[in-house]
Every structure is written in structure tokens, then in C-alpha cells.
Amino acid sequence: MIRVVLAQPRGFCAGVERAIEIVEKAIEKYGPPIYVRHEIVHNRHVVERLRAKGAVFVDELAEIPPGSVTIFSAHGVSSAVEDEAATRRLPVIDATCPLVSKVHNEGQRYANQGRETVLIGHAGHPEIEGTMGRITGKVHLISTAAEVARLKVADPSKLAYITQTTLSVDDTKAVIEALRARFPDIVGPDTKDICYATQNRQRAVRELAQMVEIVLVVGAANSSNSNRLREIATEQGIAAYLIADADSLKPEWLDGVESVGITAGASAPEELVQQLIDRLKAFGEIRLEMLPGITENVRFRMPSELAEA
């Protein structure tokens, strides 16, 4: 008998649900093909399902035929990308997560106050590229507390910080403490502005890891929040694996194991979790339990172009 414990909450957050719904409604309203810049969310299964319905995913706007309906992904885009779309007269629907947009607005507000901004996040992530390209002032990107000592700023009294949404309060705590120690006048957003979904999923996996022998995180290898869930489980001293789907499960991971925890990143659909549970049944009888946890009922409004669709 294998005890299987499901984290709560897990999987899709409101920003991801909204982004997927935007693509589906756009196809419904305008007909295929609909062009999407970059993966709408970081999950191959989601992307392939939308592709089958008529979404075309491109890396650059130059690949989009003139006049085609274009969607920006949930991660957000830079002002330069927005300007390029306007120059090419592409009708754009913006699927940027409202919590990412909030970070953009905060960063620009600090720039308008004449402050340099420290952005805490991971280089190369689409959200970071979008955020850095939204703020007109000087932006310093760092990801660790150790980097704070090397920062060179024009005026330590005119400094602010913002954070990538897929990092939690716990992830950024040490960096923010180091920033405040070196730059006592630094300002930043309230911790309640941190993405609720990131925080909730990390808290749940920390709790889950105390109760099981291994943790399986369903999510894509390029998903920042999914990778962090695996790291957090590992930090609790147990084996944890990030898997794209049920087929990625390796039988040897279950040798001698009597309890397995399952969670999923914010861009992983629940059907992948259910398929993983079915796959575990091949190894013997299972007893399924659900962790009590926060029930999320956040819903974000659709863009005006699709509000009636």
C-alpha cells in the first residue's frame, strides 16, 4: 500500500487560467490562427493543446503576418515589444498576469521618483526581460544576497527594490535583508504584493515534505516556480523530483517507498496530476489523501476585447 498525499493548493493559478482562457476565447471570437508571442505559460501540454485549437506560437513578432491577432504571454513584455507591435499594426490582446503588471507599475513609479531599482529575480526568465524593459530608469538585476555587496548605485538614498512574481516572501527575504542592511533608505513594495499563488504553493509543499518520503512535482523544466517547489522539498531533507508528466516517473524512485507527496507548478494542469496518480496505481494499491490547505478563489478580469466573448 502506497500512501499518496496531494498538496493543496497546487497547479493552475488565476493568472495562468486567465492567459489560457484568453487564447481560447480569441480563437473562438476571431477564428484561427491566433498568434502568441512565446509560450503562453511554461507547460508543453498546455501549449500543444492550444496549438491543436489553432494557436501559433512564435519567438518574435517579425514571424507574425500583418494584421494577425497577437497575444502577449502571461509573463509580460517590454515596452519595445509593445512598440514594435504598434508599428506593425498588430491587433494585440495582452495576457500578462495582473500581478506581473502590478510589478511593472511599481517599478515605473519608483523610476518616476528618480530612484534606481534593484530587481530580485532570475536572469533570462521572460518575466524579468519584460520587467526590465518596462522601467525607464536604471535597473540592477540580482538573485542572491551575496550580490548586494557588489552593487554600485549613484545615490544610496534614492533606491527601491521589486521582485519577480514567481519568488515568494521566503525566497527574497535574505536578499531584502541584505539590501536594507547596506542601503537603510531603500524602499520596496508591501510583502502582501508578492504573488499569492507562489506563496501558497511553497507553503503547501513545505508542509507536504514533512509527511512523506518523496515528493513529485509536476511541472515543466523551464518553469521557475515548479523548480522552486522541488528545491523546497529537497531542503526539507527528502528526495524530490520535477517531472513533466506521468511518463517521466522512474520506477526506481519508489523502491521501498511507502508514502509519496504530489504537487504541481502554477502552469501545470490538474489532468497531469490525475494521470500521475493513475500511473502510481501500477505499483500497487494506493491510499489517497489531500492536505488541508488554502482554497484559492481568485479570478482576474478578462481583457476588454474578450469580455463579452
C-alpha atoms as a PDB file:
ATOM      1  CA  MET A   1       0.000   0.000   0.000  1.00  0.00           C
ATOM      2  CA  ILE A   2       1.404   3.400  -1.024  1.00  0.00           C
ATOM      3  CA  ARG A   3       0.115   6.456   0.771  1.00  0.00           C
ATOM      4  CA  VAL A   4      -0.239   9.303  -1.746  1.00  0.00           C
ATOM      5  CA  VAL A   5      -0.677  12.811  -0.316  1.00  0.00           C
ATOM      6  CA  LEU A   6      -1.754  15.710  -2.551  1.00  0.00           C
ATOM      7  CA  ALA A   7      -0.651  19.260  -1.748  1.00  0.00           C
ATOM      8  CA  GLN A   8      -3.337  21.935  -1.530  1.00  0.00           C
ATOM      9  CA  PRO A   9      -3.203  24.307  -3.344  1.00  0.00           C
ATOM     10  CA  ARG A  10      -1.344  23.017  -6.420  1.00  0.00           C
ATOM     11  CA  GLY A  11      -1.403  23.562 -10.155  1.00  0.00           C
ATOM     12  CA  PHE A  12      -3.011  26.408 -12.080  1.00  0.00           C
ATOM     13  CA  CYS A  13      -3.110  29.876 -10.562  1.00  0.00           C
ATOM     14  CA  ALA A  14      -5.558  32.616 -11.623  1.00  0.00           C
ATOM     15  CA  GLY A  15      -3.019  34.316 -13.920  1.00  0.00           C
ATOM     16  CA  VAL A  16      -2.398  31.074 -15.834  1.00  0.00           C
ATOM     17  CA  GLU A  17      -6.124  30.251 -16.052  1.00  0.00           C
ATOM     18  CA  ARG A  18      -6.787  33.738 -17.420  1.00  0.00           C
ATOM     19  CA  ALA A  19      -3.970  33.510 -20.004  1.00  0.00           C
ATOM     20  CA  ILE A  20      -5.190  30.138 -21.339  1.00  0.00           C
ATOM     21  CA  GLU A  21      -8.782  31.391 -21.430  1.00  0.00           C
ATOM     22  CA  ILE A  22      -7.646  34.476 -23.384  1.00  0.00           C
ATOM     23  CA  VAL A  23      -6.140  32.270 -26.118  1.00  0.00           C
ATOM     24  CA  GLU A  24      -9.224  30.015 -26.241  1.00  0.00           C
ATOM     25  CA  LYS A  25     -11.669  32.937 -26.393  1.00  0.00           C
ATOM     26  CA  ALA A  26      -9.582  34.752 -29.012  1.00  0.00           C
ATOM     27  CA  ILE A  27      -9.681  31.650 -31.251  1.00  0.00           C
ATOM     28  CA  GLU A  28     -13.452  31.447 -30.647  1.00  0.00           C
ATOM     29  CA  LYS A  29     -14.027  35.134 -31.452  1.00  0.00           C
ATOM     30  CA  TYR A  30     -11.588  35.748 -34.322  1.00  0.00           C
ATOM     31  CA  GLY A  31     -11.061  32.218 -35.664  1.00  0.00           C
ATOM     32  CA  PRO A  32      -7.683  30.513 -36.114  1.00  0.00           C
ATOM     33  CA  PRO A  33      -4.849  31.156 -36.488  1.00  0.00           C
ATOM     34  CA  ILE A  34      -4.182  33.322 -33.439  1.00  0.00           C
ATOM     35  CA  TYR A  35      -0.506  34.193 -32.878  1.00  0.00           C
ATOM     36  CA  VAL A  36       1.059  34.003 -29.416  1.00  0.00           C
ATOM     37  CA  ARG A  37       4.459  35.514 -28.629  1.00  0.00           C
ATOM     38  CA  HIS A  38       6.405  32.895 -26.649  1.00  0.00           C
ATOM     39  CA  GLU A  39       4.773  30.046 -24.718  1.00  0.00           C
ATOM     40  CA  ILE A  40       1.555  31.420 -23.203  1.00  0.00           C
ATOM     41  CA  VAL A  41       2.606  29.660 -19.965  1.00  0.00           C
ATOM     42  CA  HIS A  42       5.546  27.341 -19.274  1.00  0.00           C
ATOM     43  CA  ASN A  43       3.923  23.972 -19.960  1.00  0.00           C
ATOM     44  CA  ARG A  44       4.296  21.851 -23.091  1.00  0.00           C
ATOM     45  CA  HIS A  45       0.956  20.061 -22.600  1.00  0.00           C
ATOM     46  CA  VAL A  46      -0.932  23.358 -22.385  1.00  0.00           C
ATOM     47  CA  VAL A  47       0.915  24.753 -25.426  1.00  0.00           C
ATOM     48  CA  GLU A  48       0.225  21.639 -27.523  1.00  0.00           C
ATOM     49  CA  ARG A  49      -3.465  21.639 -26.612  1.00  0.00           C
ATOM     50  CA  LEU A  50      -3.806  25.292 -27.667  1.00  0.00           C
ATOM     51  CA  ARG A  51      -1.771  24.643 -30.825  1.00  0.00           C
ATOM     52  CA  ALA A  52      -4.275  21.928 -31.794  1.00  0.00           C
ATOM     53  CA  LYS A  53      -7.087  24.511 -31.465  1.00  0.00           C
ATOM     54  CA  GLY A  54      -5.358  26.996 -33.781  1.00  0.00           C
ATOM     55  CA  ALA A  55      -2.798  28.938 -31.724  1.00  0.00           C
ATOM     56  CA  VAL A  56       0.558  29.571 -33.419  1.00  0.00           C
ATOM     57  CA  PHE A  57       3.471  30.171 -31.033  1.00  0.00           C
ATOM     58  CA  VAL A  58       6.293  32.409 -32.260  1.00  0.00           C
ATOM     59  CA  ASP A  59       9.536  33.702 -30.751  1.00  0.00           C
ATOM     60  CA  GLU A  60       9.445  37.129 -32.388  1.00  0.00           C
ATOM     61  CA  LEU A  61       6.754  39.481 -33.697  1.00  0.00           C
ATOM     62  CA  ALA A  62       8.507  39.521 -37.110  1.00  0.00           C
ATOM     63  CA  GLU A  63       7.165  35.989 -37.653  1.00  0.00           C
ATOM     64  CA  ILE A  64       3.545  37.189 -37.441  1.00  0.00           C
ATOM     65  CA  PRO A  65       1.731  38.084 -40.685  1.00  0.00           C
ATOM     66  CA  PRO A  66       0.474  41.713 -40.868  1.00  0.00           C
ATOM     67  CA  GLY A  67      -2.936  42.313 -39.291  1.00  0.00           C
ATOM     68  CA  SER A  68      -2.988  38.994 -37.375  1.00  0.00           C
ATOM     69  CA  VAL A  69      -4.448  38.893 -33.861  1.00  0.00           C
ATOM     70  CA  THR A  70      -1.475  38.669 -31.467  1.00  0.00           C
ATOM     71  CA  ILE A  71      -1.371  37.642 -27.811  1.00  0.00           C
ATOM     72  CA  PHE A  72       1.378  38.523 -25.311  1.00  0.00           C
ATOM     73  CA  SER A  73       2.098  35.704 -22.840  1.00  0.00           C
ATOM     74  CA  ALA A  74       1.341  35.715 -19.098  1.00  0.00           C
ATOM     75  CA  HIS A  75       4.990  36.636 -18.337  1.00  0.00           C
ATOM     76  CA  GLY A  76       4.637  40.158 -19.778  1.00  0.00           C
ATOM     77  CA  VAL A  77       6.652  42.007 -22.422  1.00  0.00           C
ATOM     78  CA  SER A  78       8.955  45.019 -22.638  1.00  0.00           C
ATOM     79  CA  SER A  79       7.822  48.412 -23.927  1.00  0.00           C
ATOM     80  CA  ALA A  80       9.995  47.787 -27.033  1.00  0.00           C
ATOM     81  CA  VAL A  81       7.933  44.691 -27.934  1.00  0.00           C
ATOM     82  CA  GLU A  82       4.710  46.628 -27.379  1.00  0.00           C
ATOM     83  CA  ASP A  83       6.014  49.465 -29.606  1.00  0.00           C
ATOM     84  CA  GLU A  84       7.037  47.000 -32.319  1.00  0.00           C
ATOM     85  CA  ALA A  85       3.519  45.512 -32.331  1.00  0.00           C
ATOM     86  CA  ALA A  86       2.039  49.014 -32.642  1.00  0.00           C
ATOM     87  CA  THR A  87       4.430  49.889 -35.505  1.00  0.00           C
ATOM     88  CA  ARG A  88       3.431  46.699 -37.333  1.00  0.00           C
ATOM     89  CA  ARG A  89      -0.250  47.443 -36.573  1.00  0.00           C
ATOM     90  CA  LEU A  90      -0.824  44.063 -34.977  1.00  0.00           C
ATOM     91  CA  PRO A  91      -4.102  43.875 -33.012  1.00  0.00           C
ATOM     92  CA  VAL A  92      -2.775  42.851 -29.582  1.00  0.00           C
ATOM     93  CA  ILE A  93      -4.516  41.148 -26.664  1.00  0.00           C
ATOM     94  CA  ASP A  94      -2.367  41.298 -23.551  1.00  0.00           C
ATOM     95  CA  ALA A  95      -2.444  38.147 -21.383  1.00  0.00           C
ATOM     96  CA  THR A  96       0.165  39.486 -18.922  1.00  0.00           C
ATOM     97  CA  CYS A  97      -0.731  38.315 -15.414  1.00  0.00           C
ATOM     98  CA  PRO A  98      -2.210  41.290 -13.488  1.00  0.00           C
ATOM     99  CA  LEU A  99       0.272  40.603 -10.660  1.00  0.00           C
ATOM    100  CA  VAL A 100       3.168  40.942 -13.132  1.00  0.00           C
ATOM    101  CA  SER A 101       1.638  44.192 -14.447  1.00  0.00           C
ATOM    102  CA  LYS A 102       1.498  45.420 -10.855  1.00  0.00           C
ATOM    103  CA  VAL A 103       5.286  44.863 -10.522  1.00  0.00           C
ATOM    104  CA  HIS A 104       5.825  46.795 -13.802  1.00  0.00           C
ATOM    105  CA  ASN A 105       3.774  49.708 -12.440  1.00  0.00           C
ATOM    106  CA  GLU A 106       5.606  49.716  -9.103  1.00  0.00           C
ATOM    107  CA  GLY A 107       8.988  49.722 -10.857  1.00  0.00           C
ATOM    108  CA  GLN A 108       7.991  52.627 -13.087  1.00  0.00           C
ATOM    109  CA  ARG A 109       6.570  54.542 -10.109  1.00  0.00           C
ATOM    110  CA  TYR A 110       9.969  54.262  -8.384  1.00  0.00           C
ATOM    111  CA  ALA A 111      11.728  55.382 -11.590  1.00  0.00           C
ATOM    112  CA  ASN A 112       9.407  58.414 -11.765  1.00  0.00           C
ATOM    113  CA  GLN A 113      10.574  59.306  -8.240  1.00  0.00           C
ATOM    114  CA  GLY A 114      14.161  59.415  -9.562  1.00  0.00           C
ATOM    115  CA  ARG A 115      15.133  56.130  -7.903  1.00  0.00           C
ATOM    116  CA  GLU A 116      17.337  53.359  -9.272  1.00  0.00           C
ATOM    117  CA  THR A 117      15.600  49.978  -8.941  1.00  0.00           C
ATOM    118  CA  VAL A 118      17.008  46.663  -7.754  1.00  0.00           C
ATOM    119  CA  LEU A 119      15.075  43.798  -9.376  1.00  0.00           C
ATOM    120  CA  ILE A 120      15.313  40.493  -7.482  1.00  0.00           C
ATOM    121  CA  GLY A 121      14.892  37.646  -9.967  1.00  0.00           C
ATOM    122  CA  HIS A 122      16.459  35.194 -12.390  1.00  0.00           C
ATOM    123  CA  ALA A 123      18.320  36.435 -15.483  1.00  0.00           C
ATOM    124  CA  GLY A 124      16.901  35.137 -18.753  1.00  0.00           C
ATOM    125  CA  HIS A 125      13.386  34.498 -17.416  1.00  0.00           C
ATOM    126  CA  PRO A 126      10.766  36.047 -19.777  1.00  0.00           C
ATOM    127  CA  GLU A 127       9.152  37.897 -16.864  1.00  0.00           C
ATOM    128  CA  ILE A 128      12.483  39.537 -15.981  1.00  0.00           C
ATOM    129  CA  GLU A 129      13.116  40.571 -19.599  1.00  0.00           C
ATOM    130  CA  GLY A 130       9.653  42.132 -19.719  1.00  0.00           C
ATOM    131  CA  THR A 131      10.010  43.922 -16.370  1.00  0.00           C
ATOM    132  CA  MET A 132      13.480  45.320 -17.141  1.00  0.00           C
ATOM    133  CA  GLY A 133      12.163  46.572 -20.457  1.00  0.00           C
ATOM    134  CA  ARG A 134       9.258  48.375 -18.787  1.00  0.00           C
ATOM    135  CA  ILE A 135      11.173  50.605 -16.394  1.00  0.00           C
ATOM    136  CA  THR A 136      12.683  53.777 -17.852  1.00  0.00           C
ATOM    137  CA  GLY A 137      15.237  54.300 -15.048  1.00  0.00           C
ATOM    138  CA  LYS A 138      18.346  52.298 -14.119  1.00  0.00           C
ATOM    139  CA  VAL A 139      17.605  48.686 -13.092  1.00  0.00           C
ATOM    140  CA  HIS A 140      20.062  46.341 -11.313  1.00  0.00           C
ATOM    141  CA  LEU A 141      19.201  42.623 -11.558  1.00  0.00           C
ATOM    142  CA  ILE A 142      20.336  40.399  -8.670  1.00  0.00           C
ATOM    143  CA  SER A 143      19.282  36.980  -7.428  1.00  0.00           C
ATOM    144  CA  THR A 144      21.300  36.394  -4.221  1.00  0.00           C
ATOM    145  CA  ALA A 145      22.158  38.246  -1.011  1.00  0.00           C
ATOM    146  CA  ALA A 146      25.869  37.934  -1.881  1.00  0.00           C
ATOM    147  CA  GLU A 147      25.372  40.177  -4.923  1.00  0.00           C
ATOM    148  CA  VAL A 148      24.189  43.088  -2.757  1.00  0.00           C
ATOM    149  CA  ALA A 149      27.768  43.907  -1.669  1.00  0.00           C
ATOM    150  CA  ARG A 150      28.799  44.379  -5.324  1.00  0.00           C
ATOM    151  CA  LEU A 151      26.010  46.805  -6.251  1.00  0.00           C
ATOM    152  CA  LYS A 152      27.182  50.212  -7.500  1.00  0.00           C
ATOM    153  CA  VAL A 153      24.458  52.850  -7.228  1.00  0.00           C
ATOM    154  CA  ALA A 154      24.502  56.576  -7.933  1.00  0.00           C
ATOM    155  CA  ASP A 155      22.689  57.650  -4.751  1.00  0.00           C
ATOM    156  CA  PRO A 156      22.033  55.159  -1.905  1.00  0.00           C
ATOM    157  CA  SER A 157      19.208  57.395  -0.622  1.00  0.00           C
ATOM    158  CA  LYS A 158      17.320  57.065  -3.945  1.00  0.00           C
ATOM    159  CA  LEU A 159      16.941  53.320  -4.238  1.00  0.00           C
ATOM    160  CA  ALA A 160      13.996  50.877  -4.494  1.00  0.00           C
ATOM    161  CA  TYR A 161      13.527  47.153  -4.989  1.00  0.00           C
ATOM    162  CA  ILE A 162      10.916  44.954  -6.695  1.00  0.00           C
ATOM    163  CA  THR A 163      10.751  41.157  -7.108  1.00  0.00           C
ATOM    164  CA  GLN A 164       9.898  38.563  -9.749  1.00  0.00           C
ATOM    165  CA  THR A 165       6.383  37.205  -9.060  1.00  0.00           C
ATOM    166  CA  THR A 166       7.456  33.542  -9.076  1.00  0.00           C
ATOM    167  CA  LEU A 167       9.603  34.166  -5.976  1.00  0.00           C
ATOM    168  CA  SER A 168       7.973  34.016  -2.554  1.00  0.00           C
ATOM    169  CA  VAL A 169       8.478  36.106   0.579  1.00  0.00           C
ATOM    170  CA  ASP A 170      10.805  33.355   1.849  1.00  0.00           C
ATOM    171  CA  ASP A 171      12.818  33.319  -1.408  1.00  0.00           C
ATOM    172  CA  THR A 172      13.508  37.048  -1.293  1.00  0.00           C
ATOM    173  CA  LYS A 173      13.830  37.513   2.487  1.00  0.00           C
ATOM    174  CA  ALA A 174      17.645  37.191   2.715  1.00  0.00           C
ATOM    175  CA  VAL A 175      18.206  39.458  -0.316  1.00  0.00           C
ATOM    176  CA  ILE A 176      15.872  42.153   1.013  1.00  0.00           C
ATOM    177  CA  GLU A 177      17.522  41.978   4.470  1.00  0.00           C
ATOM    178  CA  ALA A 178      20.958  42.412   2.838  1.00  0.00           C
ATOM    179  CA  LEU A 179      19.661  45.355   0.787  1.00  0.00           C
ATOM    180  CA  ARG A 180      18.197  47.052   3.886  1.00  0.00           C
ATOM    181  CA  ALA A 181      21.394  46.481   5.863  1.00  0.00           C
ATOM    182  CA  ARG A 182      23.557  48.114   3.176  1.00  0.00           C
ATOM    183  CA  PHE A 183      21.020  50.732   2.000  1.00  0.00           C
ATOM    184  CA  PRO A 184      18.890  51.760   5.018  1.00  0.00           C
ATOM    185  CA  ASP A 185      16.857  54.238   2.903  1.00  0.00           C
ATOM    186  CA  ILE A 186      15.777  51.662   0.301  1.00  0.00           C
ATOM    187  CA  VAL A 187      12.028  51.382  -0.325  1.00  0.00           C
ATOM    188  CA  GLY A 188      10.021  48.450  -1.676  1.00  0.00           C
ATOM    189  CA  PRO A 189       6.511  47.068  -2.051  1.00  0.00           C
ATOM    190  CA  ASP A 190       4.497  45.608   0.807  1.00  0.00           C
ATOM    191  CA  THR A 191       5.002  41.835   1.213  1.00  0.00           C
ATOM    192  CA  LYS A 192       1.269  41.394   0.544  1.00  0.00           C
ATOM    193  CA  ASP A 193       2.074  42.367  -3.067  1.00  0.00           C
ATOM    194  CA  ILE A 194       4.037  39.118  -3.522  1.00  0.00           C
ATOM    195  CA  CYS A 195       2.217  36.630  -5.779  1.00  0.00           C
ATOM    196  CA  TYR A 196      -0.292  34.815  -3.544  1.00  0.00           C
ATOM    197  CA  ALA A 197      -0.081  31.621  -5.680  1.00  0.00           C
ATOM    198  CA  THR A 198       3.696  31.292  -5.365  1.00  0.00           C
ATOM    199  CA  GLN A 199       3.498  31.780  -1.608  1.00  0.00           C
ATOM    200  CA  ASN A 200       0.605  29.320  -1.121  1.00  0.00           C
ATOM    201  CA  ARG A 201       2.172  26.536  -3.222  1.00  0.00           C
ATOM    202  CA  GLN A 202       5.522  26.860  -1.466  1.00  0.00           C
ATOM    203  CA  ARG A 203       3.937  26.780   1.978  1.00  0.00           C
ATOM    204  CA  ALA A 204       1.948  23.659   0.973  1.00  0.00           C
ATOM    205  CA  VAL A 205       4.989  21.760  -0.386  1.00  0.00           C
ATOM    206  CA  ARG A 206       6.991  22.583   2.765  1.00  0.00           C
ATOM    207  CA  GLU A 207       4.204  21.025   4.842  1.00  0.00           C
ATOM    208  CA  LEU A 208       3.838  18.093   2.422  1.00  0.00           C
ATOM    209  CA  ALA A 209       7.556  17.242   2.632  1.00  0.00           C
ATOM    210  CA  GLN A 210       7.248  16.720   6.421  1.00  0.00           C
ATOM    211  CA  MET A 211       4.695  13.935   5.867  1.00  0.00           C
ATOM    212  CA  VAL A 212       6.114  11.771   3.048  1.00  0.00           C
ATOM    213  CA  GLU A 213       9.299  10.019   1.900  1.00  0.00           C
ATOM    214  CA  ILE A 214       9.494  11.523  -1.600  1.00  0.00           C
ATOM    215  CA  VAL A 215       7.844  14.448  -3.385  1.00  0.00           C
ATOM    216  CA  LEU A 216       6.924  14.510  -7.073  1.00  0.00           C
ATOM    217  CA  VAL A 217       6.464  17.988  -8.563  1.00  0.00           C
ATOM    218  CA  VAL A 218       4.516  18.051 -11.823  1.00  0.00           C
ATOM    219  CA  GLY A 219       5.797  20.902 -13.969  1.00  0.00           C
ATOM    220  CA  ALA A 220       7.991  21.965 -16.873  1.00  0.00           C
ATOM    221  CA  ALA A 221      11.794  22.104 -16.637  1.00  0.00           C
ATOM    222  CA  ASN A 222      11.678  25.791 -17.709  1.00  0.00           C
ATOM    223  CA  SER A 223       9.067  26.708 -15.092  1.00  0.00           C
ATOM    224  CA  SER A 224      10.696  28.849 -12.387  1.00  0.00           C
ATOM    225  CA  ASN A 225       8.008  28.203  -9.760  1.00  0.00           C
ATOM    226  CA  SER A 226       7.979  24.415 -10.388  1.00  0.00           C
ATOM    227  CA  ASN A 227      11.764  24.204  -9.967  1.00  0.00           C
ATOM    228  CA  ARG A 228      11.480  26.129  -6.722  1.00  0.00           C
ATOM    229  CA  LEU A 229       8.853  23.702  -5.374  1.00  0.00           C
ATOM    230  CA  ARG A 230      11.264  20.799  -5.979  1.00  0.00           C
ATOM    231  CA  GLU A 231      14.101  22.724  -4.276  1.00  0.00           C
ATOM    232  CA  ILE A 232      11.958  23.465  -1.221  1.00  0.00           C
ATOM    233  CA  ALA A 233      11.029  19.786  -0.827  1.00  0.00           C
ATOM    234  CA  THR A 234      14.730  18.841  -1.126  1.00  0.00           C
ATOM    235  CA  GLU A 235      15.627  21.455   1.516  1.00  0.00           C
ATOM    236  CA  GLN A 236      13.379  19.519   3.923  1.00  0.00           C
ATOM    237  CA  GLY A 237      15.838  16.607   3.578  1.00  0.00           C
ATOM    238  CA  ILE A 238      13.888  14.262   1.294  1.00  0.00           C
ATOM    239  CA  ALA A 239      14.180  13.177  -2.351  1.00  0.00           C
ATOM    240  CA  ALA A 240      12.146  15.324  -4.730  1.00  0.00           C
ATOM    241  CA  TYR A 241      11.767  15.105  -8.498  1.00  0.00           C
ATOM    242  CA  LEU A 242      10.430  17.536 -11.103  1.00  0.00           C
ATOM    243  CA  ILE A 243       8.535  15.573 -13.753  1.00  0.00           C
ATOM    244  CA  ALA A 244       6.829  16.801 -16.925  1.00  0.00           C
ATOM    245  CA  ASP A 245       4.132  14.102 -16.768  1.00  0.00           C
ATOM    246  CA  ALA A 246       3.332  10.554 -15.602  1.00  0.00           C
ATOM    247  CA  ASP A 247       5.610   9.024 -18.274  1.00  0.00           C
ATOM    248  CA  SER A 248       8.610  10.735 -16.648  1.00  0.00           C
ATOM    249  CA  LEU A 249       8.169   8.781 -13.391  1.00  0.00           C
ATOM    250  CA  LYS A 250      11.076   6.366 -12.816  1.00  0.00           C
ATOM    251  CA  PRO A 251      10.074   3.131 -11.014  1.00  0.00           C
ATOM    252  CA  GLU A 252      13.347   3.029  -9.025  1.00  0.00           C
ATOM    253  CA  TRP A 253      12.314   6.225  -7.205  1.00  0.00           C
ATOM    254  CA  LEU A 254       9.590   4.181  -5.499  1.00  0.00           C
ATOM    255  CA  ASP A 255      11.822   1.324  -4.264  1.00  0.00           C
ATOM    256  CA  GLY A 256      10.940   0.729  -0.606  1.00  0.00           C
ATOM    257  CA  VAL A 257       8.835   3.908  -0.511  1.00  0.00           C
ATOM    258  CA  GLU A 258       5.523   3.817   1.377  1.00  0.00           C
ATOM    259  CA  SER A 259       4.490   7.486   1.123  1.00  0.00           C
ATOM    260  CA  VAL A 260       4.592   9.850  -1.853  1.00  0.00           C
ATOM    261  CA  GLY A 261       3.694  13.551  -1.957  1.00  0.00           C
ATOM    262  CA  ILE A 262       2.445  15.200  -5.143  1.00  0.00           C
ATOM    263  CA  THR A 263       2.229  18.872  -6.046  1.00  0.00           C
ATOM    264  CA  ALA A 264       2.193  20.823  -9.306  1.00  0.00           C
ATOM    265  CA  GLY A 265       3.605  24.123 -10.522  1.00  0.00           C
ATOM    266  CA  ALA A 266       1.315  27.058 -11.282  1.00  0.00           C
ATOM    267  CA  SER A 267       1.287  26.299 -15.020  1.00  0.00           C
ATOM    268  CA  ALA A 268       0.671  22.521 -14.747  1.00  0.00           C
ATOM    269  CA  PRO A 269      -2.888  21.310 -15.478  1.00  0.00           C
ATOM    270  CA  GLU A 270      -4.672  19.103 -12.925  1.00  0.00           C
ATOM    271  CA  GLU A 271      -5.161  16.332 -15.522  1.00  0.00           C
ATOM    272  CA  LEU A 272      -1.373  15.694 -15.358  1.00  0.00           C
ATOM    273  CA  VAL A 273      -1.658  15.163 -11.597  1.00  0.00           C
ATOM    274  CA  GLN A 274      -4.548  12.715 -12.096  1.00  0.00           C
ATOM    275  CA  GLN A 275      -2.550  10.809 -14.750  1.00  0.00           C
ATOM    276  CA  LEU A 276       0.361  10.558 -12.309  1.00  0.00           C
ATOM    277  CA  ILE A 277      -1.962   9.113  -9.632  1.00  0.00           C
ATOM    278  CA  ASP A 278      -3.173   6.515 -12.164  1.00  0.00           C
ATOM    279  CA  ARG A 279       0.447   5.666 -13.006  1.00  0.00           C
ATOM    280  CA  LEU A 280       1.247   5.134  -9.312  1.00  0.00           C
ATOM    281  CA  LYS A 281      -1.556   2.542  -9.151  1.00  0.00           C
ATOM    282  CA  ALA A 282       0.599   0.337 -11.415  1.00  0.00           C
ATOM    283  CA  PHE A 283       2.991  -0.080  -8.463  1.00  0.00           C
ATOM    284  CA  GLY A 284       0.344  -1.363  -6.066  1.00  0.00           C
ATOM    285  CA  GLU A 285      -2.705  -0.270  -4.137  1.00  0.00           C
ATOM    286  CA  ILE A 286      -2.700   3.404  -3.133  1.00  0.00           C
ATOM    287  CA  ARG A 287      -4.412   5.352  -0.367  1.00  0.00           C
ATOM    288  CA  LEU A 288      -5.107   8.916  -1.477  1.00  0.00           C
ATOM    289  CA  GLU A 289      -5.111  11.824   0.980  1.00  0.00           C
ATOM    290  CA  MET A 290      -5.492  15.568   0.431  1.00  0.00           C
ATOM    291  CA  LEU A 291      -3.609  18.042   2.598  1.00  0.00           C
ATOM    292  CA  PRO A 292      -5.915  20.606   4.151  1.00  0.00           C
ATOM    293  CA  GLY A 293      -4.794  23.919   2.705  1.00  0.00           C
ATOM    294  CA  ILE A 294      -5.824  27.275   1.352  1.00  0.00           C
ATOM    295  CA  THR A 295      -8.637  27.197  -1.189  1.00  0.00           C
ATOM    296  CA  GLU A 296      -7.917  29.847  -3.798  1.00  0.00           C
ATOM    297  CA  ASN A 297     -10.871  31.654  -5.321  1.00  0.00           C
ATOM    298  CA  VAL A 298      -9.033  34.494  -7.065  1.00  0.00           C
ATOM    299  CA  ARG A 299     -10.336  35.381 -10.542  1.00  0.00           C
ATOM    300  CA  PHE A 300      -8.839  38.039 -12.813  1.00  0.00           C
ATOM    301  CA  ARG A 301     -10.934  40.021 -15.278  1.00  0.00           C
ATOM    302  CA  MET A 302     -10.645  39.281 -18.981  1.00  0.00           C
ATOM    303  CA  PRO A 303      -9.219  41.991 -21.302  1.00  0.00           C
ATOM    304  CA  SER A 304     -11.934  44.292 -22.678  1.00  0.00           C
ATOM    305  CA  GLU A 305     -11.566  42.828 -26.211  1.00  0.00           C
ATOM    306  CA  LEU A 306     -12.787  39.458 -24.924  1.00  0.00           C
ATOM    307  CA  ALA A 307     -15.049  40.475 -22.040  1.00  0.00           C
ATOM    308  CA  GLU A 308     -18.218  39.522 -23.952  1.00  0.00           C
ATOM    309  CA  ALA A 309     -16.761  36.542 -25.859  1.00  0.00           C
END
